[in-house]
């Protein structure tokens, strides 16, 4: 369900949106797609930050495991 809302944008941004919106049905569809893409990017960045935190917390263990694996692969 779509809900009508009102936002205020700078004139220069609105001009760019209107140019880009020609590829879509209308300005609203363009803005909705842009907001969805931005939210998706924010969510991915948040997930990446959480993943990096987990990796950093486990770094010592992962490094020891990597050294152990490399030791098995080395030829005497």
PDB file of N, CA and C in Angstrom:
ATOM      1  N   UNK A   1       0.841  -1.174   0.000  1.00  0.00           N
ATOM      2  CA  UNK A   1       0.000   0.000   0.000  1.00  0.00           C
ATOM      3  C   UNK A   1       0.890   1.243   0.000  1.00  0.00           C
ATOM      4  N   UNK A   2       0.594   2.147  -0.845  1.00  0.00           N
ATOM      5  CA  UNK A   2       1.356   3.393  -0.930  1.00  0.00           C
ATOM      6  C   UNK A   2       0.634   4.464  -0.110  1.00  0.00           C
ATOM      7  N   UNK A   3       1.444   5.312   0.521  1.00  0.00           N
ATOM      8  CA  UNK A   3       0.920   6.402   1.331  1.00  0.00           C
ATOM      9  C   UNK A   3       1.513   7.697   0.803  1.00  0.00           C
ATOM     10  N   UNK A   4       0.678   8.675   0.611  1.00  0.00           N
ATOM     11  CA  UNK A   4       1.143   9.966   0.113  1.00  0.00           C
ATOM     12  C   UNK A   4       1.847  10.710   1.242  1.00  0.00           C
ATOM     13  N   UNK A   5       2.988  11.309   0.904  1.00  0.00           N
ATOM     14  CA  UNK A   5       3.749  12.085   1.881  1.00  0.00           C
ATOM     15  C   UNK A   5       4.301  13.328   1.203  1.00  0.00           C
ATOM     16  N   UNK A   6       4.821  14.218   1.991  1.00  0.00           N
ATOM     17  CA  UNK A   6       5.380  15.446   1.451  1.00  0.00           C
ATOM     18  C   UNK A   6       6.799  15.610   1.985  1.00  0.00           C
ATOM     19  N   UNK A   7       7.740  15.936   1.093  1.00  0.00           N
ATOM     20  CA  UNK A   7       9.124  16.195   1.499  1.00  0.00           C
ATOM     21  C   UNK A   7       9.585  17.490   0.848  1.00  0.00           C
ATOM     22  N   UNK A   8      10.615  18.067   1.408  1.00  0.00           N
ATOM     23  CA  UNK A   8      11.193  19.286   0.857  1.00  0.00           C
ATOM     24  C   UNK A   8      12.599  18.968   0.373  1.00  0.00           C
ATOM     25  N   UNK A   9      12.869  19.279  -0.886  1.00  0.00           N
ATOM     26  CA  UNK A   9      14.175  19.015  -1.494  1.00  0.00           C
ATOM     27  C   UNK A   9      14.718  20.305  -2.087  1.00  0.00           C
ATOM     28  N   UNK A  10      16.023  20.357  -2.199  1.00  0.00           N
ATOM     29  CA  UNK A  10      16.630  21.529  -2.832  1.00  0.00           C
ATOM     30  C   UNK A  10      16.290  21.514  -4.328  1.00  0.00           C
ATOM     31  N   UNK A  11      16.232  22.698  -4.891  1.00  0.00           N
ATOM     32  CA  UNK A  11      15.843  22.839  -6.295  1.00  0.00           C
ATOM     33  C   UNK A  11      16.815  22.122  -7.228  1.00  0.00           C
ATOM     34  N   UNK A  12      18.115  22.226  -6.944  1.00  0.00           N
ATOM     35  CA  UNK A  12      19.101  21.587  -7.816  1.00  0.00           C
ATOM     36  C   UNK A  12      18.975  20.059  -7.769  1.00  0.00           C
ATOM     37  N   UNK A  13      18.689  19.509  -6.584  1.00  0.00           N
ATOM     38  CA  UNK A  13      18.503  18.057  -6.471  1.00  0.00           C
ATOM     39  C   UNK A  13      17.246  17.631  -7.217  1.00  0.00           C
ATOM     40  N   UNK A  14      16.190  18.401  -7.106  1.00  0.00           N
ATOM     41  CA  UNK A  14      14.943  18.069  -7.794  1.00  0.00           C
ATOM     42  C   UNK A  14      15.121  18.065  -9.310  1.00  0.00           C
ATOM     43  N   UNK A  15      15.939  18.960  -9.830  1.00  0.00           N
ATOM     44  CA  UNK A  15      16.212  18.987 -11.272  1.00  0.00           C
ATOM     45  C   UNK A  15      16.911  17.705 -11.707  1.00  0.00           C
ATOM     46  N   UNK A  16      17.881  17.263 -10.917  1.00  0.00           N
ATOM     47  CA  UNK A  16      18.595  16.017 -11.240  1.00  0.00           C
ATOM     48  C   UNK A  16      17.641  14.827 -11.145  1.00  0.00           C
ATOM     49  N   UNK A  17      16.803  14.822 -10.121  1.00  0.00           N
ATOM     50  CA  UNK A  17      15.824  13.734  -9.969  1.00  0.00           C
ATOM     51  C   UNK A  17      14.903  13.689 -11.178  1.00  0.00           C
ATOM     52  N   UNK A  18      14.435  14.831 -11.624  1.00  0.00           N
ATOM     53  CA  UNK A  18      13.533  14.865 -12.774  1.00  0.00           C
ATOM     54  C   UNK A  18      14.203  14.319 -14.034  1.00  0.00           C
ATOM     55  N   UNK A  19      15.482  14.615 -14.216  1.00  0.00           N
ATOM     56  CA  UNK A  19      16.206  14.076 -15.376  1.00  0.00           C
ATOM     57  C   UNK A  19      16.297  12.559 -15.261  1.00  0.00           C
ATOM     58  N   UNK A  20      16.670  12.085 -14.072  1.00  0.00           N
ATOM     59  CA  UNK A  20      16.823  10.637 -13.865  1.00  0.00           C
ATOM     60  C   UNK A  20      15.482   9.912 -13.874  1.00  0.00           C
ATOM     61  N   UNK A  21      14.441  10.584 -13.428  1.00  0.00           N
ATOM     62  CA  UNK A  21      13.123   9.949 -13.317  1.00  0.00           C
ATOM     63  C   UNK A  21      12.507   9.642 -14.674  1.00  0.00           C
ATOM     64  N   UNK A  22      13.043  10.223 -15.724  1.00  0.00           N
ATOM     65  CA  UNK A  22      12.498   9.949 -17.060  1.00  0.00           C
ATOM     66  C   UNK A  22      12.646   8.476 -17.421  1.00  0.00           C
ATOM     67  N   UNK A  23      13.613   7.794 -16.789  1.00  0.00           N
ATOM     68  CA  UNK A  23      13.818   6.365 -17.039  1.00  0.00           C
ATOM     69  C   UNK A  23      12.794   5.520 -16.275  1.00  0.00           C
ATOM     70  N   UNK A  24      12.076   6.124 -15.360  1.00  0.00           N
ATOM     71  CA  UNK A  24      11.051   5.434 -14.567  1.00  0.00           C
ATOM     72  C   UNK A  24       9.701   6.021 -14.927  1.00  0.00           C
ATOM     73  N   UNK A  25       8.670   5.496 -14.273  1.00  0.00           N
ATOM     74  CA  UNK A  25       7.329   6.002 -14.557  1.00  0.00           C
ATOM     75  C   UNK A  25       7.164   7.461 -14.147  1.00  0.00           C
ATOM     76  N   UNK A  26       7.691   7.791 -12.966  1.00  0.00           N
ATOM     77  CA  UNK A  26       7.526   9.155 -12.471  1.00  0.00           C
ATOM     78  C   UNK A  26       8.526   9.450 -11.361  1.00  0.00           C
ATOM     79  N   UNK A  27       8.480  10.664 -10.873  1.00  0.00           N
ATOM     80  CA  UNK A  27       9.395  11.120  -9.831  1.00  0.00           C
ATOM     81  C   UNK A  27       9.255  10.275  -8.566  1.00  0.00           C
ATOM     82  N   UNK A  28       8.040   9.967  -8.170  1.00  0.00           N
ATOM     83  CA  UNK A  28       7.823   9.185  -6.941  1.00  0.00           C
ATOM     84  C   UNK A  28       8.453   7.803  -7.032  1.00  0.00           C
ATOM     85  N   UNK A  29       8.301   7.150  -8.177  1.00  0.00           N
ATOM     86  CA  UNK A  29       8.903   5.825  -8.349  1.00  0.00           C
ATOM     87  C   UNK A  29      10.428   5.905  -8.266  1.00  0.00           C
ATOM     88  N   UNK A  30      10.999   6.951  -8.856  1.00  0.00           N
ATOM     89  CA  UNK A  30      12.442   7.121  -8.803  1.00  0.00           C
ATOM     90  C   UNK A  30      12.916   7.320  -7.362  1.00  0.00           C
ATOM     91  N   UNK A  31      12.247   8.210  -6.634  1.00  0.00           N
ATOM     92  CA  UNK A  31      12.642   8.493  -5.253  1.00  0.00           C
ATOM     93  C   UNK A  31      12.472   7.247  -4.387  1.00  0.00           C
ATOM     94  N   UNK A  32      11.392   6.505  -4.580  1.00  0.00           N
ATOM     95  CA  UNK A  32      11.183   5.283  -3.807  1.00  0.00           C
ATOM     96  C   UNK A  32      12.305   4.275  -4.077  1.00  0.00           C
ATOM     97  N   UNK A  33      12.674   4.107  -5.335  1.00  0.00           N
ATOM     98  CA  UNK A  33      13.757   3.182  -5.677  1.00  0.00           C
ATOM     99  C   UNK A  33      15.086   3.649  -5.070  1.00  0.00           C
ATOM    100  N   UNK A  34      15.340   4.951  -5.096  1.00  0.00           N
ATOM    101  CA  UNK A  34      16.581   5.489  -4.543  1.00  0.00           C
ATOM    102  C   UNK A  34      16.636   5.278  -3.033  1.00  0.00           C
ATOM    103  N   UNK A  35      15.535   5.506  -2.360  1.00  0.00           N
ATOM    104  CA  UNK A  35      15.500   5.313  -0.907  1.00  0.00           C
ATOM    105  C   UNK A  35      15.679   3.842  -0.562  1.00  0.00           C
ATOM    106  N   UNK A  36      15.018   2.954  -1.314  1.00  0.00           N
ATOM    107  CA  UNK A  36      15.182   1.513  -1.074  1.00  0.00           C
ATOM    108  C   UNK A  36      16.648   1.093  -1.275  1.00  0.00           C
ATOM    109  N   UNK A  37      17.275   1.606  -2.322  1.00  0.00           N
ATOM    110  CA  UNK A  37      18.677   1.266  -2.585  1.00  0.00           C
ATOM    111  C   UNK A  37      19.573   1.782  -1.463  1.00  0.00           C
ATOM    112  N   UNK A  38      19.307   2.995  -0.999  1.00  0.00           N
ATOM    113  CA  UNK A  38      20.110   3.573   0.079  1.00  0.00           C
ATOM    114  C   UNK A  38      19.943   2.785   1.370  1.00  0.00           C
ATOM    115  N   UNK A  39      18.717   2.419   1.694  1.00  0.00           N
ATOM    116  CA  UNK A  39      18.464   1.624   2.909  1.00  0.00           C
ATOM    117  C   UNK A  39      19.140   0.265   2.789  1.00  0.00           C
ATOM    118  N   UNK A  40      19.061  -0.350   1.621  1.00  0.00           N
ATOM    119  CA  UNK A  40      19.732  -1.626   1.404  1.00  0.00           C
ATOM    120  C   UNK A  40      21.232  -1.507   1.605  1.00  0.00           C
ATOM    121  N   UNK A  41      21.821  -0.424   1.105  1.00  0.00           N
ATOM    122  CA  UNK A  41      23.259  -0.182   1.274  1.00  0.00           C
ATOM    123  C   UNK A  41      23.591  -0.005   2.752  1.00  0.00           C
ATOM    124  N   UNK A  42      22.786   0.757   3.469  1.00  0.00           N
ATOM    125  CA  UNK A  42      23.021   0.958   4.902  1.00  0.00           C
ATOM    126  C   UNK A  42      22.963  -0.360   5.657  1.00  0.00           C
ATOM    127  N   UNK A  43      21.997  -1.198   5.317  1.00  0.00           N
ATOM    128  CA  UNK A  43      21.854  -2.488   5.994  1.00  0.00           C
ATOM    129  C   UNK A  43      23.054  -3.385   5.702  1.00  0.00           C
ATOM    130  N   UNK A  44      23.542  -3.373   4.445  1.00  0.00           N
ATOM    131  CA  UNK A  44      24.729  -4.171   4.103  1.00  0.00           C
ATOM    132  C   UNK A  44      25.956  -3.673   4.861  1.00  0.00           C
ATOM    133  N   UNK A  45      26.100  -2.354   4.959  1.00  0.00           N
ATOM    134  CA  UNK A  45      27.233  -1.782   5.687  1.00  0.00           C
ATOM    135  C   UNK A  45      27.176  -2.158   7.164  1.00  0.00           C
ATOM    136  N   UNK A  46      25.985  -2.142   7.751  1.00  0.00           N
ATOM    137  CA  UNK A  46      25.834  -2.542   9.150  1.00  0.00           C
ATOM    138  C   UNK A  46      26.181  -4.015   9.329  1.00  0.00           C
ATOM    139  N   UNK A  47      25.731  -4.861   8.408  1.00  0.00           N
ATOM    140  CA  UNK A  47      26.048  -6.290   8.489  1.00  0.00           C
ATOM    141  C   UNK A  47      27.545  -6.515   8.312  1.00  0.00           C
ATOM    142  N   UNK A  48      28.153  -5.800   7.375  1.00  0.00           N
ATOM    143  CA  UNK A  48      29.598  -5.919   7.168  1.00  0.00           C
ATOM    144  C   UNK A  48      30.370  -5.512   8.421  1.00  0.00           C
ATOM    145  N   UNK A  49      29.909  -4.457   9.100  1.00  0.00           N
ATOM    146  CA  UNK A  49      30.565  -4.016  10.332  1.00  0.00           C
ATOM    147  C   UNK A  49      30.434  -5.087  11.415  1.00  0.00           C
ATOM    148  N   UNK A  50      29.254  -5.713  11.515  1.00  0.00           N
ATOM    149  CA  UNK A  50      29.074  -6.795  12.492  1.00  0.00           C
ATOM    150  C   UNK A  50      29.968  -7.981  12.157  1.00  0.00           C
ATOM    151  N   UNK A  51      30.042  -8.334  10.867  1.00  0.00           N
ATOM    152  CA  UNK A  51      30.897  -9.449  10.439  1.00  0.00           C
ATOM    153  C   UNK A  51      32.372  -9.151  10.740  1.00  0.00           C
ATOM    154  N   UNK A  52      32.796  -7.930  10.463  1.00  0.00           N
ATOM    155  CA  UNK A  52      34.180  -7.549  10.726  1.00  0.00           C
ATOM    156  C   UNK A  52      34.494  -7.625  12.217  1.00  0.00           C
ATOM    157  N   UNK A  53      33.549  -7.217  13.044  1.00  0.00           N
ATOM    158  CA  UNK A  53      33.724  -7.301  14.493  1.00  0.00           C
ATOM    159  C   UNK A  53      33.918  -8.757  14.926  1.00  0.00           C
ATOM    160  N   UNK A  54      33.134  -9.668  14.362  1.00  0.00           N
ATOM    161  CA  UNK A  54      33.272 -11.096  14.680  1.00  0.00           C
ATOM    162  C   UNK A  54      34.635 -11.609  14.230  1.00  0.00           C
ATOM    163  N   UNK A  55      35.029 -11.252  13.016  1.00  0.00           N
ATOM    164  CA  UNK A  55      36.332 -11.690  12.491  1.00  0.00           C
ATOM    165  C   UNK A  55      37.456 -11.149  13.366  1.00  0.00           C
ATOM    166  N   UNK A  56      37.377  -9.869  13.725  1.00  0.00           N
ATOM    167  CA  UNK A  56      38.425  -9.278  14.562  1.00  0.00           C
ATOM    168  C   UNK A  56      38.483  -9.929  15.941  1.00  0.00           C
ATOM    169  N   UNK A  57      37.319 -10.275  16.491  1.00  0.00           N
ATOM    170  CA  UNK A  57      37.287 -10.944  17.794  1.00  0.00           C
ATOM    171  C   UNK A  57      37.953 -12.314  17.726  1.00  0.00           C
ATOM    172  N   UNK A  58      37.849 -12.967  16.577  1.00  0.00           N
ATOM    173  CA  UNK A  58      38.367 -14.316  16.405  1.00  0.00           C
ATOM    174  C   UNK A  58      39.709 -14.348  15.685  1.00  0.00           C
ATOM    175  N   UNK A  59      40.316 -13.190  15.450  1.00  0.00           N
ATOM    176  CA  UNK A  59      41.521 -13.090  14.621  1.00  0.00           C
ATOM    177  C   UNK A  59      42.655 -13.967  15.134  1.00  0.00           C
ATOM    178  N   UNK A  60      42.939 -13.919  16.423  1.00  0.00           N
ATOM    179  CA  UNK A  60      44.049 -14.721  16.954  1.00  0.00           C
ATOM    180  C   UNK A  60      43.835 -16.210  16.701  1.00  0.00           C
ATOM    181  N   UNK A  61      42.625 -16.667  16.976  1.00  0.00           N
ATOM    182  CA  UNK A  61      42.308 -18.086  16.759  1.00  0.00           C
ATOM    183  C   UNK A  61      42.418 -18.443  15.280  1.00  0.00           C
ATOM    184  N   UNK A  62      41.866 -17.595  14.413  1.00  0.00           N
ATOM    185  CA  UNK A  62      41.907 -17.865  12.976  1.00  0.00           C
ATOM    186  C   UNK A  62      43.339 -17.852  12.449  1.00  0.00           C
ATOM    187  N   UNK A  63      44.166 -16.953  12.944  1.00  0.00           N
ATOM    188  CA  UNK A  63      45.566 -16.892  12.505  1.00  0.00           C
ATOM    189  C   UNK A  63      46.336 -18.136  12.938  1.00  0.00           C
ATOM    190  N   UNK A  64      46.114 -18.596  14.165  1.00  0.00           N
ATOM    191  CA  UNK A  64      46.777 -19.821  14.645  1.00  0.00           C
ATOM    192  C   UNK A  64      46.356 -21.017  13.791  1.00  0.00           C
ATOM    193  N   UNK A  65      45.081 -21.069  13.467  1.00  0.00           N
ATOM    194  CA  UNK A  65      44.571 -22.166  12.634  1.00  0.00           C
ATOM    195  C   UNK A  65      45.212 -22.114  11.249  1.00  0.00           C
ATOM    196  N   UNK A  66      45.359 -20.926  10.692  1.00  0.00           N
ATOM    197  CA  UNK A  66      45.975 -20.782   9.366  1.00  0.00           C
ATOM    198  C   UNK A  66      47.430 -21.228   9.393  1.00  0.00           C
ATOM    199  N   UNK A  67      48.154 -20.854  10.432  1.00  0.00           N
ATOM    200  CA  UNK A  67      49.552 -21.272  10.558  1.00  0.00           C
ATOM    201  C   UNK A  67      49.637 -22.791  10.659  1.00  0.00           C
ATOM    202  N   UNK A  68      48.730 -23.380  11.418  1.00  0.00           N
ATOM    203  CA  UNK A  68      48.703 -24.842  11.572  1.00  0.00           C
ATOM    204  C   UNK A  68      48.451 -25.522  10.224  1.00  0.00           C
ATOM    205  N   UNK A  69      47.513 -25.003   9.461  1.00  0.00           N
ATOM    206  CA  UNK A  69      47.201 -25.579   8.134  1.00  0.00           C
ATOM    207  C   UNK A  69      48.413 -25.444   7.217  1.00  0.00           C
ATOM    208  N   UNK A  70      49.055 -24.296   7.240  1.00  0.00           N
ATOM    209  CA  UNK A  70      50.243 -24.104   6.389  1.00  0.00           C
ATOM    210  C   UNK A  70      51.367 -25.041   6.775  1.00  0.00           C
ATOM    211  N   UNK A  71      51.496 -25.339   8.059  1.00  0.00           N
ATOM    212  CA  UNK A  71      52.536 -26.265   8.514  1.00  0.00           C
ATOM    213  C   UNK A  71      52.313 -27.656   7.938  1.00  0.00           C
ATOM    214  N   UNK A  72      51.062 -28.080   7.826  1.00  0.00           N
ATOM    215  CA  UNK A  72      50.761 -29.387   7.224  1.00  0.00           C
ATOM    216  C   UNK A  72      51.083 -29.424   5.743  1.00  0.00           C
ATOM    217  N   UNK A  73      50.959 -28.260   5.085  1.00  0.00           N
ATOM    218  CA  UNK A  73      51.171 -28.201   3.645  1.00  0.00           C
ATOM    219  C   UNK A  73      52.638 -28.053   3.271  1.00  0.00           C
ATOM    220  N   UNK A  74      53.473 -27.619   4.194  1.00  0.00           N
ATOM    221  CA  UNK A  74      54.868 -27.378   3.842  1.00  0.00           C
ATOM    222  C   UNK A  74      55.593 -28.693   3.609  1.00  0.00           C
ATOM    223  N   UNK A  75      56.465 -28.667   2.652  1.00  0.00           N
ATOM    224  CA  UNK A  75      57.254 -29.852   2.300  1.00  0.00           C
ATOM    225  C   UNK A  75      58.575 -29.753   3.057  1.00  0.00           C
ATOM    226  N   UNK A  76      58.958 -30.833   3.794  1.00  0.00           N
ATOM    227  CA  UNK A  76      60.207 -30.788   4.562  1.00  0.00           C
ATOM    228  C   UNK A  76      61.434 -30.779   3.680  1.00  0.00           C
TER     229      UNK A  76
END
